[in-house]
Amino acid sequence: MIAIVDYGMGNLRSVQKAFEKIGHEAVVTSDPQQVEAAAGVLLPGVGAFGDAMFHLRQLGLLDAVKRVAKQEKPLLGICLGMQLLFSTSEEHGHHLGLNLIPGHVKRFKGKFKIPHVGWNSLQVKRPHPLLEGVRNNDYVYYVHSYLVDPADRSVILATSDYYGEVPGVVGYKNVFGIQFHPEKSSSVGLRMLDNFGRMCKEGVLA
């Protein structure tokens, strides 16, 4: 069973329905014990970084998510959930993240449209079970104003181009992140969620 962490920020039901569609059991929960007991955990998120960290802490979910990572169970963050996996963020001030992947979250900078919204193509940087069946130039759907800047660039599994390189998928040990919305990214996004579901069942991490 996959636990989708409910801390009050994110379209959780759409992610749950996506898992159901491809045959993986997923439950939306704000119970720290249920999160820790799951075979794998998905950390979603829509909104501001600081608010998200506050709600996770208030609900007792912050430590639960960290323990999941320490237990080497598959942990996947999507959109804001991916950014929360990193050390710090500059969104509306300076905020500490989960620090599961060393690096910083920064705002897009330049004279172009922000947020980055819409379909964009992926470039796979290295093979990984999370990306099985995903090809170069497959399209996925983004909505974000901030992007991750990993301390170690080797954690970047796939990128898109939006006035520069945008890390679209990252992976570090058993912790993974997807910046775009897989539940809104048609067959490509569903394939990645299916890959994650199989990783949870089989315990395959890399």
N, C-alpha and C. Protein backbone atom coordinates (compact mmCIF):
# COMPACT_ATOMS: atom_id res chain seq x y z
N MET A 1 0.83 -1.19 0.00
CA MET A 1 0.00 0.00 0.00
C MET A 1 0.88 1.26 0.00
N ILE A 2 0.46 2.24 -0.80
CA ILE A 2 1.16 3.52 -0.88
C ILE A 2 0.39 4.54 -0.05
N ALA A 3 1.09 5.27 0.81
CA ALA A 3 0.48 6.32 1.61
C ALA A 3 0.70 7.66 0.91
N ILE A 4 -0.39 8.37 0.64
CA ILE A 4 -0.33 9.73 0.10
C ILE A 4 -0.51 10.67 1.29
N VAL A 5 0.51 11.45 1.59
CA VAL A 5 0.54 12.25 2.81
C VAL A 5 -0.41 13.45 2.69
N ASP A 6 -1.38 13.50 3.59
CA ASP A 6 -2.36 14.59 3.61
C ASP A 6 -1.99 15.58 4.70
N TYR A 7 -1.42 16.71 4.31
CA TYR A 7 -1.12 17.76 5.27
C TYR A 7 -1.84 19.05 4.90
N GLY A 8 -2.91 18.90 4.11
CA GLY A 8 -3.78 20.02 3.79
C GLY A 8 -3.37 20.85 2.61
N MET A 9 -2.39 20.40 1.83
CA MET A 9 -1.93 21.19 0.69
C MET A 9 -1.68 20.28 -0.50
N GLY A 10 -2.67 20.19 -1.40
CA GLY A 10 -2.47 19.38 -2.60
C GLY A 10 -3.76 18.74 -3.06
N ASN A 11 -3.82 18.44 -4.35
CA ASN A 11 -4.98 17.77 -4.92
C ASN A 11 -4.78 16.27 -4.76
N LEU A 12 -5.07 15.78 -3.57
CA LEU A 12 -4.71 14.41 -3.22
C LEU A 12 -5.56 13.37 -3.94
N ARG A 13 -6.82 13.66 -4.10
CA ARG A 13 -7.72 12.67 -4.70
C ARG A 13 -7.33 12.37 -6.15
N SER A 14 -6.84 13.36 -6.89
CA SER A 14 -6.46 13.11 -8.28
C SER A 14 -5.27 12.16 -8.36
N VAL A 15 -4.34 12.29 -7.40
CA VAL A 15 -3.19 11.38 -7.37
C VAL A 15 -3.65 9.98 -6.97
N GLN A 16 -4.53 9.90 -6.00
CA GLN A 16 -5.06 8.60 -5.57
C GLN A 16 -5.80 7.91 -6.72
N LYS A 17 -6.60 8.66 -7.45
CA LYS A 17 -7.34 8.09 -8.58
C LYS A 17 -6.39 7.60 -9.66
N ALA A 18 -5.28 8.34 -9.87
CA ALA A 18 -4.29 7.91 -10.86
C ALA A 18 -3.69 6.57 -10.47
N PHE A 19 -3.35 6.39 -9.21
CA PHE A 19 -2.83 5.10 -8.75
C PHE A 19 -3.87 4.00 -8.91
N GLU A 20 -5.10 4.29 -8.56
CA GLU A 20 -6.17 3.30 -8.70
C GLU A 20 -6.34 2.87 -10.15
N LYS A 21 -6.24 3.82 -11.06
CA LYS A 21 -6.41 3.55 -12.48
C LYS A 21 -5.39 2.55 -13.00
N ILE A 22 -4.18 2.60 -12.43
CA ILE A 22 -3.11 1.70 -12.91
C ILE A 22 -2.91 0.51 -11.99
N GLY A 23 -3.83 0.33 -11.04
CA GLY A 23 -3.86 -0.90 -10.26
C GLY A 23 -3.01 -0.94 -9.01
N HIS A 24 -2.73 0.23 -8.42
CA HIS A 24 -1.95 0.27 -7.18
C HIS A 24 -2.82 0.82 -6.05
N GLU A 25 -2.82 0.14 -4.92
CA GLU A 25 -3.59 0.59 -3.77
C GLU A 25 -2.90 1.80 -3.14
N ALA A 26 -3.66 2.86 -2.95
CA ALA A 26 -3.12 4.07 -2.34
C ALA A 26 -4.15 4.66 -1.41
N VAL A 27 -3.71 5.12 -0.26
CA VAL A 27 -4.61 5.70 0.73
C VAL A 27 -4.13 7.10 1.07
N VAL A 28 -5.07 8.04 1.16
CA VAL A 28 -4.77 9.40 1.59
C VAL A 28 -4.85 9.42 3.11
N THR A 29 -3.78 9.87 3.77
CA THR A 29 -3.74 9.80 5.23
C THR A 29 -2.94 10.93 5.86
N SER A 30 -3.38 11.35 7.04
CA SER A 30 -2.62 12.30 7.84
C SER A 30 -2.16 11.64 9.14
N ASP A 31 -2.24 10.32 9.19
CA ASP A 31 -1.84 9.54 10.36
C ASP A 31 -0.36 9.16 10.24
N PRO A 32 0.50 9.69 11.10
CA PRO A 32 1.94 9.38 11.00
C PRO A 32 2.24 7.89 11.05
N GLN A 33 1.50 7.13 11.85
CA GLN A 33 1.75 5.70 11.96
C GLN A 33 1.40 4.98 10.66
N GLN A 34 0.33 5.41 10.00
CA GLN A 34 -0.04 4.80 8.73
C GLN A 34 0.98 5.14 7.65
N VAL A 35 1.50 6.35 7.70
CA VAL A 35 2.55 6.74 6.76
C VAL A 35 3.77 5.85 6.93
N GLU A 36 4.20 5.64 8.16
CA GLU A 36 5.39 4.82 8.42
C GLU A 36 5.19 3.36 8.08
N ALA A 37 3.94 2.88 8.17
CA ALA A 37 3.66 1.47 7.92
C ALA A 37 3.54 1.14 6.44
N ALA A 38 3.42 2.15 5.58
CA ALA A 38 3.20 1.93 4.15
C ALA A 38 4.44 1.35 3.47
N ALA A 39 4.21 0.67 2.35
CA ALA A 39 5.33 0.13 1.56
C ALA A 39 6.08 1.24 0.85
N GLY A 40 5.41 2.33 0.56
CA GLY A 40 6.01 3.50 -0.07
C GLY A 40 5.17 4.71 0.23
N VAL A 41 5.76 5.89 0.11
CA VAL A 41 5.08 7.12 0.51
C VAL A 41 5.20 8.16 -0.60
N LEU A 42 4.08 8.84 -0.87
CA LEU A 42 4.08 9.93 -1.83
C LEU A 42 3.77 11.22 -1.09
N LEU A 43 4.64 12.21 -1.27
CA LEU A 43 4.49 13.52 -0.65
C LEU A 43 4.07 14.52 -1.73
N PRO A 44 2.79 14.89 -1.77
CA PRO A 44 2.33 15.83 -2.79
C PRO A 44 2.50 17.26 -2.30
N GLY A 45 1.94 18.21 -3.01
CA GLY A 45 1.98 19.58 -2.51
C GLY A 45 1.68 20.62 -3.56
N VAL A 46 0.84 21.57 -3.17
CA VAL A 46 0.57 22.76 -3.98
C VAL A 46 0.51 23.93 -3.01
N GLY A 47 1.27 24.98 -3.28
CA GLY A 47 1.27 26.11 -2.37
C GLY A 47 2.67 26.56 -2.01
N ALA A 48 2.82 27.14 -0.82
CA ALA A 48 4.08 27.75 -0.40
C ALA A 48 4.91 26.79 0.46
N PHE A 49 6.20 26.83 0.26
CA PHE A 49 7.15 25.95 0.94
C PHE A 49 7.04 26.07 2.47
N GLY A 50 7.11 27.31 2.98
CA GLY A 50 7.08 27.52 4.42
C GLY A 50 5.81 27.01 5.07
N ASP A 51 4.67 27.26 4.42
CA ASP A 51 3.39 26.78 4.94
C ASP A 51 3.36 25.26 4.98
N ALA A 52 3.88 24.64 3.94
CA ALA A 52 3.89 23.18 3.87
C ALA A 52 4.71 22.58 5.01
N MET A 53 5.89 23.12 5.26
CA MET A 53 6.72 22.62 6.35
C MET A 53 6.04 22.82 7.70
N PHE A 54 5.36 23.94 7.87
CA PHE A 54 4.63 24.21 9.12
C PHE A 54 3.55 23.15 9.35
N HIS A 55 2.75 22.87 8.33
CA HIS A 55 1.66 21.90 8.48
C HIS A 55 2.20 20.49 8.72
N LEU A 56 3.25 20.11 8.03
CA LEU A 56 3.85 18.79 8.26
C LEU A 56 4.30 18.66 9.71
N ARG A 57 4.91 19.71 10.23
CA ARG A 57 5.41 19.68 11.61
C ARG A 57 4.25 19.63 12.60
N GLN A 58 3.22 20.45 12.37
CA GLN A 58 2.09 20.52 13.29
C GLN A 58 1.34 19.19 13.38
N LEU A 59 1.28 18.47 12.28
CA LEU A 59 0.53 17.21 12.23
C LEU A 59 1.38 16.00 12.63
N GLY A 60 2.63 16.23 12.97
CA GLY A 60 3.50 15.13 13.34
C GLY A 60 3.97 14.30 12.16
N LEU A 61 3.83 14.87 10.96
CA LEU A 61 4.17 14.13 9.74
C LEU A 61 5.62 14.34 9.31
N LEU A 62 6.23 15.41 9.80
CA LEU A 62 7.59 15.72 9.40
C LEU A 62 8.55 14.59 9.80
N ASP A 63 8.48 14.19 11.05
CA ASP A 63 9.36 13.12 11.52
C ASP A 63 9.00 11.78 10.89
N ALA A 64 7.69 11.58 10.64
CA ALA A 64 7.26 10.32 10.02
C ALA A 64 7.86 10.17 8.62
N VAL A 65 7.84 11.24 7.84
CA VAL A 65 8.41 11.20 6.49
C VAL A 65 9.92 10.96 6.56
N LYS A 66 10.59 11.61 7.51
CA LYS A 66 12.03 11.41 7.65
C LYS A 66 12.36 9.97 8.04
N ARG A 67 11.52 9.38 8.89
CA ARG A 67 11.76 7.98 9.28
C ARG A 67 11.55 7.03 8.12
N VAL A 68 10.56 7.33 7.26
CA VAL A 68 10.36 6.53 6.05
C VAL A 68 11.62 6.53 5.20
N ALA A 69 12.20 7.72 5.02
CA ALA A 69 13.44 7.83 4.24
C ALA A 69 14.56 7.04 4.88
N LYS A 70 14.68 7.12 6.21
CA LYS A 70 15.74 6.41 6.92
C LYS A 70 15.56 4.90 6.83
N GLN A 71 14.30 4.44 6.75
CA GLN A 71 14.01 3.01 6.63
C GLN A 71 14.26 2.49 5.21
N GLU A 72 14.64 3.38 4.31
CA GLU A 72 14.97 3.05 2.93
C GLU A 72 13.76 2.53 2.15
N LYS A 73 12.57 3.01 2.53
CA LYS A 73 11.38 2.75 1.73
C LYS A 73 11.31 3.79 0.61
N PRO A 74 10.70 3.47 -0.53
CA PRO A 74 10.58 4.46 -1.60
C PRO A 74 9.74 5.66 -1.15
N LEU A 75 10.28 6.85 -1.36
CA LEU A 75 9.61 8.10 -1.02
C LEU A 75 9.64 9.00 -2.24
N LEU A 76 8.48 9.44 -2.69
CA LEU A 76 8.37 10.26 -3.90
C LEU A 76 7.67 11.57 -3.58
N GLY A 77 8.32 12.69 -3.88
CA GLY A 77 7.70 14.00 -3.77
C GLY A 77 7.33 14.52 -5.15
N ILE A 78 6.14 15.09 -5.27
CA ILE A 78 5.74 15.66 -6.55
C ILE A 78 5.40 17.14 -6.38
N CYS A 79 5.82 17.94 -7.36
CA CYS A 79 5.62 19.39 -7.40
C CYS A 79 6.24 20.02 -6.15
N LEU A 80 5.47 20.71 -5.31
CA LEU A 80 6.01 21.26 -4.08
C LEU A 80 6.61 20.16 -3.21
N GLY A 81 5.99 18.97 -3.25
CA GLY A 81 6.51 17.85 -2.47
C GLY A 81 7.94 17.51 -2.84
N MET A 82 8.31 17.64 -4.11
CA MET A 82 9.70 17.43 -4.53
C MET A 82 10.60 18.49 -3.90
N GLN A 83 10.17 19.74 -3.91
CA GLN A 83 10.99 20.82 -3.38
C GLN A 83 11.21 20.66 -1.88
N LEU A 84 10.22 20.13 -1.16
CA LEU A 84 10.34 19.93 0.28
C LEU A 84 11.43 18.93 0.64
N LEU A 85 11.79 18.07 -0.29
CA LEU A 85 12.83 17.07 -0.03
C LEU A 85 14.21 17.71 0.14
N PHE A 86 14.37 18.95 -0.33
CA PHE A 86 15.69 19.59 -0.35
C PHE A 86 15.98 20.34 0.96
N SER A 87 17.18 20.87 1.06
CA SER A 87 17.66 21.43 2.33
C SER A 87 17.02 22.75 2.70
N THR A 88 16.94 23.67 1.73
CA THR A 88 16.45 25.01 2.00
C THR A 88 15.68 25.56 0.81
N SER A 89 14.87 26.60 1.08
CA SER A 89 14.14 27.29 0.01
C SER A 89 14.15 28.78 0.26
N GLU A 90 14.17 29.54 -0.83
CA GLU A 90 14.12 31.00 -0.73
C GLU A 90 12.71 31.54 -0.98
N GLU A 91 11.71 30.68 -1.01
CA GLU A 91 10.34 31.11 -1.30
C GLU A 91 9.78 31.92 -0.12
N HIS A 92 9.55 33.20 -0.33
CA HIS A 92 9.01 34.10 0.71
C HIS A 92 9.87 34.07 1.97
N GLY A 93 11.17 34.20 1.82
CA GLY A 93 12.08 34.18 2.95
C GLY A 93 13.03 33.00 2.85
N HIS A 94 13.57 32.60 4.00
CA HIS A 94 14.48 31.46 4.05
C HIS A 94 13.85 30.37 4.91
N HIS A 95 13.70 29.18 4.35
CA HIS A 95 13.04 28.09 5.06
C HIS A 95 13.87 26.82 4.97
N LEU A 96 13.84 26.05 6.05
CA LEU A 96 14.49 24.75 6.07
C LEU A 96 13.53 23.69 5.54
N GLY A 97 14.07 22.80 4.69
CA GLY A 97 13.28 21.69 4.18
C GLY A 97 13.59 20.40 4.91
N LEU A 98 13.21 19.29 4.32
CA LEU A 98 13.42 17.98 4.93
C LEU A 98 14.90 17.58 4.90
N ASN A 99 15.66 18.17 4.00
CA ASN A 99 17.11 17.91 3.88
C ASN A 99 17.41 16.44 3.57
N LEU A 100 16.55 15.82 2.79
CA LEU A 100 16.77 14.44 2.37
C LEU A 100 17.62 14.38 1.09
N ILE A 101 17.59 15.45 0.32
CA ILE A 101 18.48 15.62 -0.83
C ILE A 101 19.18 16.97 -0.66
N PRO A 102 20.49 16.99 -0.53
CA PRO A 102 21.19 18.26 -0.34
C PRO A 102 20.98 19.21 -1.53
N GLY A 103 20.62 20.45 -1.21
CA GLY A 103 20.42 21.43 -2.27
C GLY A 103 19.43 22.50 -1.86
N HIS A 104 19.19 23.42 -2.78
CA HIS A 104 18.42 24.63 -2.50
C HIS A 104 17.29 24.77 -3.52
N VAL A 105 16.20 25.40 -3.09
CA VAL A 105 15.09 25.70 -3.98
C VAL A 105 15.11 27.20 -4.26
N LYS A 106 15.14 27.56 -5.54
CA LYS A 106 15.26 28.97 -5.91
C LYS A 106 14.18 29.35 -6.92
N ARG A 107 13.91 30.63 -7.02
CA ARG A 107 12.90 31.13 -7.94
C ARG A 107 13.50 31.28 -9.34
N PHE A 108 12.68 31.03 -10.36
CA PHE A 108 13.09 31.38 -11.72
C PHE A 108 13.47 32.85 -11.75
N LYS A 109 14.51 33.18 -12.48
CA LYS A 109 14.93 34.57 -12.62
C LYS A 109 15.14 34.89 -14.09
N GLY A 110 14.52 35.97 -14.55
CA GLY A 110 14.68 36.37 -15.94
C GLY A 110 13.45 37.09 -16.45
N LYS A 111 13.56 37.67 -17.62
CA LYS A 111 12.45 38.39 -18.22
C LYS A 111 11.65 37.44 -19.11
N PHE A 112 10.98 36.51 -18.47
CA PHE A 112 10.11 35.56 -19.17
C PHE A 112 8.95 35.22 -18.25
N LYS A 113 7.98 34.54 -18.79
CA LYS A 113 6.75 34.26 -18.04
C LYS A 113 7.02 33.33 -16.86
N ILE A 114 6.63 33.79 -15.68
CA ILE A 114 6.70 32.99 -14.46
C ILE A 114 5.31 33.06 -13.82
N PRO A 115 4.70 31.91 -13.49
CA PRO A 115 5.27 30.57 -13.42
C PRO A 115 5.45 29.88 -14.77
N HIS A 116 6.23 28.84 -14.74
CA HIS A 116 6.40 27.92 -15.87
C HIS A 116 5.16 27.02 -15.87
N VAL A 117 4.27 27.25 -16.84
CA VAL A 117 3.00 26.51 -16.91
C VAL A 117 2.85 25.89 -18.28
N GLY A 118 2.52 24.61 -18.31
CA GLY A 118 2.18 23.97 -19.57
C GLY A 118 3.02 22.73 -19.86
N TRP A 119 2.84 22.22 -21.07
CA TRP A 119 3.52 20.99 -21.49
C TRP A 119 4.95 21.31 -21.92
N ASN A 120 5.87 20.44 -21.51
CA ASN A 120 7.27 20.61 -21.89
C ASN A 120 7.88 19.23 -22.05
N SER A 121 8.91 19.14 -22.88
CA SER A 121 9.51 17.84 -23.16
C SER A 121 10.59 17.50 -22.13
N LEU A 122 10.77 16.21 -21.91
CA LEU A 122 11.77 15.69 -20.98
C LEU A 122 13.00 15.20 -21.73
N GLN A 123 14.15 15.37 -21.11
CA GLN A 123 15.39 14.77 -21.58
C GLN A 123 15.92 13.87 -20.47
N VAL A 124 15.99 12.58 -20.73
CA VAL A 124 16.46 11.63 -19.72
C VAL A 124 17.97 11.70 -19.62
N LYS A 125 18.47 11.92 -18.41
CA LYS A 125 19.91 12.06 -18.19
C LYS A 125 20.59 10.73 -17.89
N ARG A 126 19.88 9.84 -17.20
CA ARG A 126 20.44 8.51 -16.95
C ARG A 126 19.31 7.53 -16.67
N PRO A 127 19.50 6.26 -17.00
CA PRO A 127 18.46 5.26 -16.78
C PRO A 127 18.15 5.09 -15.30
N HIS A 128 16.89 4.82 -15.01
CA HIS A 128 16.47 4.59 -13.63
C HIS A 128 15.12 3.87 -13.66
N PRO A 129 14.85 2.98 -12.69
CA PRO A 129 13.55 2.29 -12.67
C PRO A 129 12.35 3.23 -12.67
N LEU A 130 12.48 4.42 -12.08
CA LEU A 130 11.38 5.38 -12.08
C LEU A 130 11.06 5.87 -13.48
N LEU A 131 12.05 5.83 -14.37
CA LEU A 131 11.89 6.34 -15.73
C LEU A 131 11.75 5.23 -16.77
N GLU A 132 11.54 4.01 -16.33
CA GLU A 132 11.41 2.91 -17.28
C GLU A 132 10.26 3.18 -18.25
N GLY A 133 10.54 3.10 -19.53
CA GLY A 133 9.52 3.35 -20.55
C GLY A 133 9.34 4.81 -20.92
N VAL A 134 10.04 5.72 -20.25
CA VAL A 134 9.98 7.14 -20.58
C VAL A 134 11.09 7.46 -21.58
N ARG A 135 10.72 8.16 -22.65
CA ARG A 135 11.67 8.43 -23.72
C ARG A 135 12.02 9.91 -23.79
N ASN A 136 13.18 10.21 -24.37
CA ASN A 136 13.51 11.60 -24.65
C ASN A 136 12.42 12.24 -25.49
N ASN A 137 12.08 13.49 -25.13
CA ASN A 137 11.07 14.30 -25.81
C ASN A 137 9.64 13.90 -25.50
N ASP A 138 9.43 12.97 -24.55
CA ASP A 138 8.08 12.77 -24.03
C ASP A 138 7.64 14.04 -23.30
N TYR A 139 6.36 14.37 -23.41
CA TYR A 139 5.86 15.62 -22.84
C TYR A 139 5.17 15.40 -21.50
N VAL A 140 5.40 16.36 -20.58
CA VAL A 140 4.80 16.33 -19.25
C VAL A 140 4.30 17.73 -18.91
N TYR A 141 3.46 17.81 -17.87
CA TYR A 141 2.78 19.09 -17.56
C TYR A 141 3.31 19.73 -16.29
N TYR A 142 3.84 20.95 -16.43
CA TYR A 142 4.43 21.69 -15.32
C TYR A 142 3.53 22.85 -14.87
N VAL A 143 3.60 23.16 -13.56
CA VAL A 143 3.07 24.41 -13.00
C VAL A 143 3.96 24.75 -11.81
N HIS A 144 4.92 25.67 -11.98
CA HIS A 144 5.78 26.03 -10.85
C HIS A 144 6.53 27.33 -11.12
N SER A 145 6.85 28.02 -10.02
CA SER A 145 7.63 29.26 -10.07
C SER A 145 9.02 29.09 -9.49
N TYR A 146 9.25 27.96 -8.81
CA TYR A 146 10.53 27.67 -8.17
C TYR A 146 11.08 26.35 -8.70
N LEU A 147 12.40 26.22 -8.69
CA LEU A 147 13.03 25.00 -9.17
C LEU A 147 14.15 24.59 -8.21
N VAL A 148 14.49 23.32 -8.25
CA VAL A 148 15.51 22.82 -7.33
C VAL A 148 16.90 22.98 -7.94
N ASP A 149 17.87 23.18 -7.05
CA ASP A 149 19.27 23.32 -7.44
C ASP A 149 20.07 22.35 -6.55
N PRO A 150 20.20 21.08 -6.98
CA PRO A 150 20.88 20.09 -6.14
C PRO A 150 22.36 20.41 -5.95
N ALA A 151 22.86 20.09 -4.76
CA ALA A 151 24.30 20.26 -4.50
C ALA A 151 25.12 19.32 -5.36
N ASP A 152 24.58 18.14 -5.62
CA ASP A 152 25.22 17.14 -6.48
C ASP A 152 24.35 16.96 -7.71
N ARG A 153 24.82 17.42 -8.86
CA ARG A 153 24.00 17.38 -10.08
C ARG A 153 23.73 15.96 -10.57
N SER A 154 24.46 14.98 -10.03
CA SER A 154 24.25 13.61 -10.48
C SER A 154 22.91 13.05 -10.02
N VAL A 155 22.22 13.73 -9.09
CA VAL A 155 20.90 13.25 -8.64
C VAL A 155 19.82 13.57 -9.67
N ILE A 156 20.14 14.40 -10.65
CA ILE A 156 19.15 14.78 -11.67
C ILE A 156 18.98 13.64 -12.66
N LEU A 157 17.77 13.10 -12.75
CA LEU A 157 17.49 11.98 -13.65
C LEU A 157 16.94 12.42 -15.00
N ALA A 158 16.21 13.55 -15.01
CA ALA A 158 15.64 14.06 -16.27
C ALA A 158 15.42 15.56 -16.13
N THR A 159 15.51 16.25 -17.25
CA THR A 159 15.36 17.70 -17.24
C THR A 159 14.40 18.15 -18.34
N SER A 160 13.94 19.39 -18.21
CA SER A 160 13.26 20.08 -19.29
C SER A 160 13.96 21.42 -19.49
N ASP A 161 13.68 22.07 -20.59
CA ASP A 161 14.29 23.37 -20.86
C ASP A 161 13.23 24.46 -20.76
N TYR A 162 13.47 25.43 -19.88
CA TYR A 162 12.63 26.62 -19.81
C TYR A 162 13.55 27.79 -19.49
N TYR A 163 14.10 28.38 -20.53
CA TYR A 163 15.10 29.44 -20.40
C TYR A 163 16.26 28.97 -19.52
N GLY A 164 16.66 27.75 -19.74
CA GLY A 164 17.69 27.11 -18.96
C GLY A 164 17.23 25.73 -18.53
N GLU A 165 18.14 24.97 -17.96
CA GLU A 165 17.83 23.60 -17.57
C GLU A 165 16.99 23.56 -16.29
N VAL A 166 15.89 22.84 -16.35
CA VAL A 166 15.00 22.67 -15.20
C VAL A 166 15.04 21.20 -14.78
N PRO A 167 15.50 20.89 -13.55
CA PRO A 167 15.45 19.50 -13.09
C PRO A 167 13.98 19.04 -12.99
N GLY A 168 13.63 18.06 -13.79
CA GLY A 168 12.25 17.57 -13.80
C GLY A 168 12.05 16.35 -12.93
N VAL A 169 13.09 15.50 -12.84
CA VAL A 169 13.05 14.29 -12.03
C VAL A 169 14.39 14.14 -11.32
N VAL A 170 14.36 13.85 -10.02
CA VAL A 170 15.59 13.64 -9.26
C VAL A 170 15.48 12.33 -8.49
N GLY A 171 16.64 11.78 -8.14
CA GLY A 171 16.67 10.56 -7.36
C GLY A 171 17.94 10.47 -6.55
N TYR A 172 17.80 10.21 -5.25
CA TYR A 172 18.96 10.07 -4.36
C TYR A 172 18.65 8.93 -3.40
N LYS A 173 19.33 7.80 -3.61
CA LYS A 173 19.08 6.59 -2.82
C LYS A 173 17.61 6.19 -2.99
N ASN A 174 16.83 6.19 -1.91
CA ASN A 174 15.42 5.78 -1.98
C ASN A 174 14.47 6.97 -2.04
N VAL A 175 15.00 8.18 -2.25
CA VAL A 175 14.19 9.40 -2.25
C VAL A 175 14.16 9.97 -3.67
N PHE A 176 12.94 10.24 -4.16
CA PHE A 176 12.76 10.67 -5.54
C PHE A 176 11.85 11.89 -5.60
N GLY A 177 12.00 12.68 -6.65
CA GLY A 177 11.15 13.84 -6.84
C GLY A 177 10.78 14.04 -8.29
N ILE A 178 9.55 14.49 -8.51
CA ILE A 178 9.05 14.83 -9.84
C ILE A 178 8.50 16.25 -9.77
N GLN A 179 9.09 17.18 -10.52
CA GLN A 179 8.67 18.57 -10.45
C GLN A 179 7.33 18.80 -11.16
N PHE A 180 7.08 18.12 -12.23
CA PHE A 180 5.82 18.28 -12.95
C PHE A 180 4.72 17.47 -12.26
N HIS A 181 3.51 17.55 -12.79
CA HIS A 181 2.38 16.81 -12.23
C HIS A 181 2.18 15.50 -13.01
N PRO A 182 2.62 14.36 -12.48
CA PRO A 182 2.45 13.12 -13.23
C PRO A 182 0.98 12.75 -13.43
N GLU A 183 0.13 13.11 -12.47
CA GLU A 183 -1.30 12.78 -12.60
C GLU A 183 -1.99 13.59 -13.69
N LYS A 184 -1.31 14.65 -14.18
CA LYS A 184 -1.85 15.48 -15.26
C LYS A 184 -1.06 15.31 -16.56
N SER A 185 -0.11 14.38 -16.55
CA SER A 185 0.82 14.24 -17.67
C SER A 185 0.52 13.03 -18.55
N SER A 186 -0.75 12.70 -18.67
CA SER A 186 -1.21 11.65 -19.58
C SER A 186 -0.48 10.33 -19.34
N SER A 187 -0.23 9.58 -20.41
CA SER A 187 0.33 8.23 -20.28
C SER A 187 1.76 8.24 -19.71
N VAL A 188 2.51 9.31 -19.98
CA VAL A 188 3.88 9.38 -19.47
C VAL A 188 3.88 9.48 -17.95
N GLY A 189 3.03 10.35 -17.41
CA GLY A 189 2.94 10.49 -15.97
C GLY A 189 2.42 9.23 -15.30
N LEU A 190 1.42 8.60 -15.91
CA LEU A 190 0.88 7.36 -15.34
C LEU A 190 1.94 6.26 -15.35
N ARG A 191 2.76 6.22 -16.38
CA ARG A 191 3.83 5.22 -16.43
C ARG A 191 4.80 5.42 -15.26
N MET A 192 5.13 6.67 -14.97
CA MET A 192 6.06 6.93 -13.88
C MET A 192 5.44 6.57 -12.53
N LEU A 193 4.15 6.86 -12.34
CA LEU A 193 3.48 6.46 -11.11
C LEU A 193 3.41 4.94 -11.00
N ASP A 194 3.19 4.28 -12.13
CA ASP A 194 3.19 2.81 -12.14
C ASP A 194 4.58 2.27 -11.79
N ASN A 195 5.61 2.90 -12.34
CA ASN A 195 6.98 2.49 -12.00
C ASN A 195 7.23 2.64 -10.50
N PHE A 196 6.77 3.76 -9.94
CA PHE A 196 6.95 3.96 -8.50
C PHE A 196 6.17 2.91 -7.71
N GLY A 197 4.95 2.61 -8.14
CA GLY A 197 4.16 1.59 -7.46
C GLY A 197 4.84 0.24 -7.47
N ARG A 198 5.45 -0.12 -8.59
CA ARG A 198 6.15 -1.40 -8.68
C ARG A 198 7.42 -1.38 -7.83
N MET A 199 8.09 -0.23 -7.74
CA MET A 199 9.26 -0.11 -6.87
C MET A 199 8.86 -0.34 -5.42
N CYS A 200 7.69 0.16 -5.02
CA CYS A 200 7.22 -0.05 -3.65
C CYS A 200 6.94 -1.52 -3.39
N LYS A 201 6.33 -2.19 -4.36
CA LYS A 201 5.99 -3.61 -4.19
C LYS A 201 7.23 -4.49 -4.17
N GLU A 202 8.19 -4.14 -5.03
CA GLU A 202 9.34 -5.02 -5.23
C GLU A 202 10.58 -4.59 -4.45
N GLY A 203 10.54 -3.39 -3.87
CA GLY A 203 11.68 -2.90 -3.12
C GLY A 203 12.88 -2.55 -3.98
N VAL A 204 12.62 -2.26 -5.28
CA VAL A 204 13.70 -1.89 -6.20
C VAL A 204 13.88 -0.38 -6.14
N LEU A 205 15.10 0.08 -5.90
CA LEU A 205 15.32 1.51 -5.72
C LEU A 205 16.20 2.13 -6.80
N ALA A 206 17.06 1.36 -7.44
CA ALA A 206 17.96 1.95 -8.44
C ALA A 206 18.34 0.91 -9.48
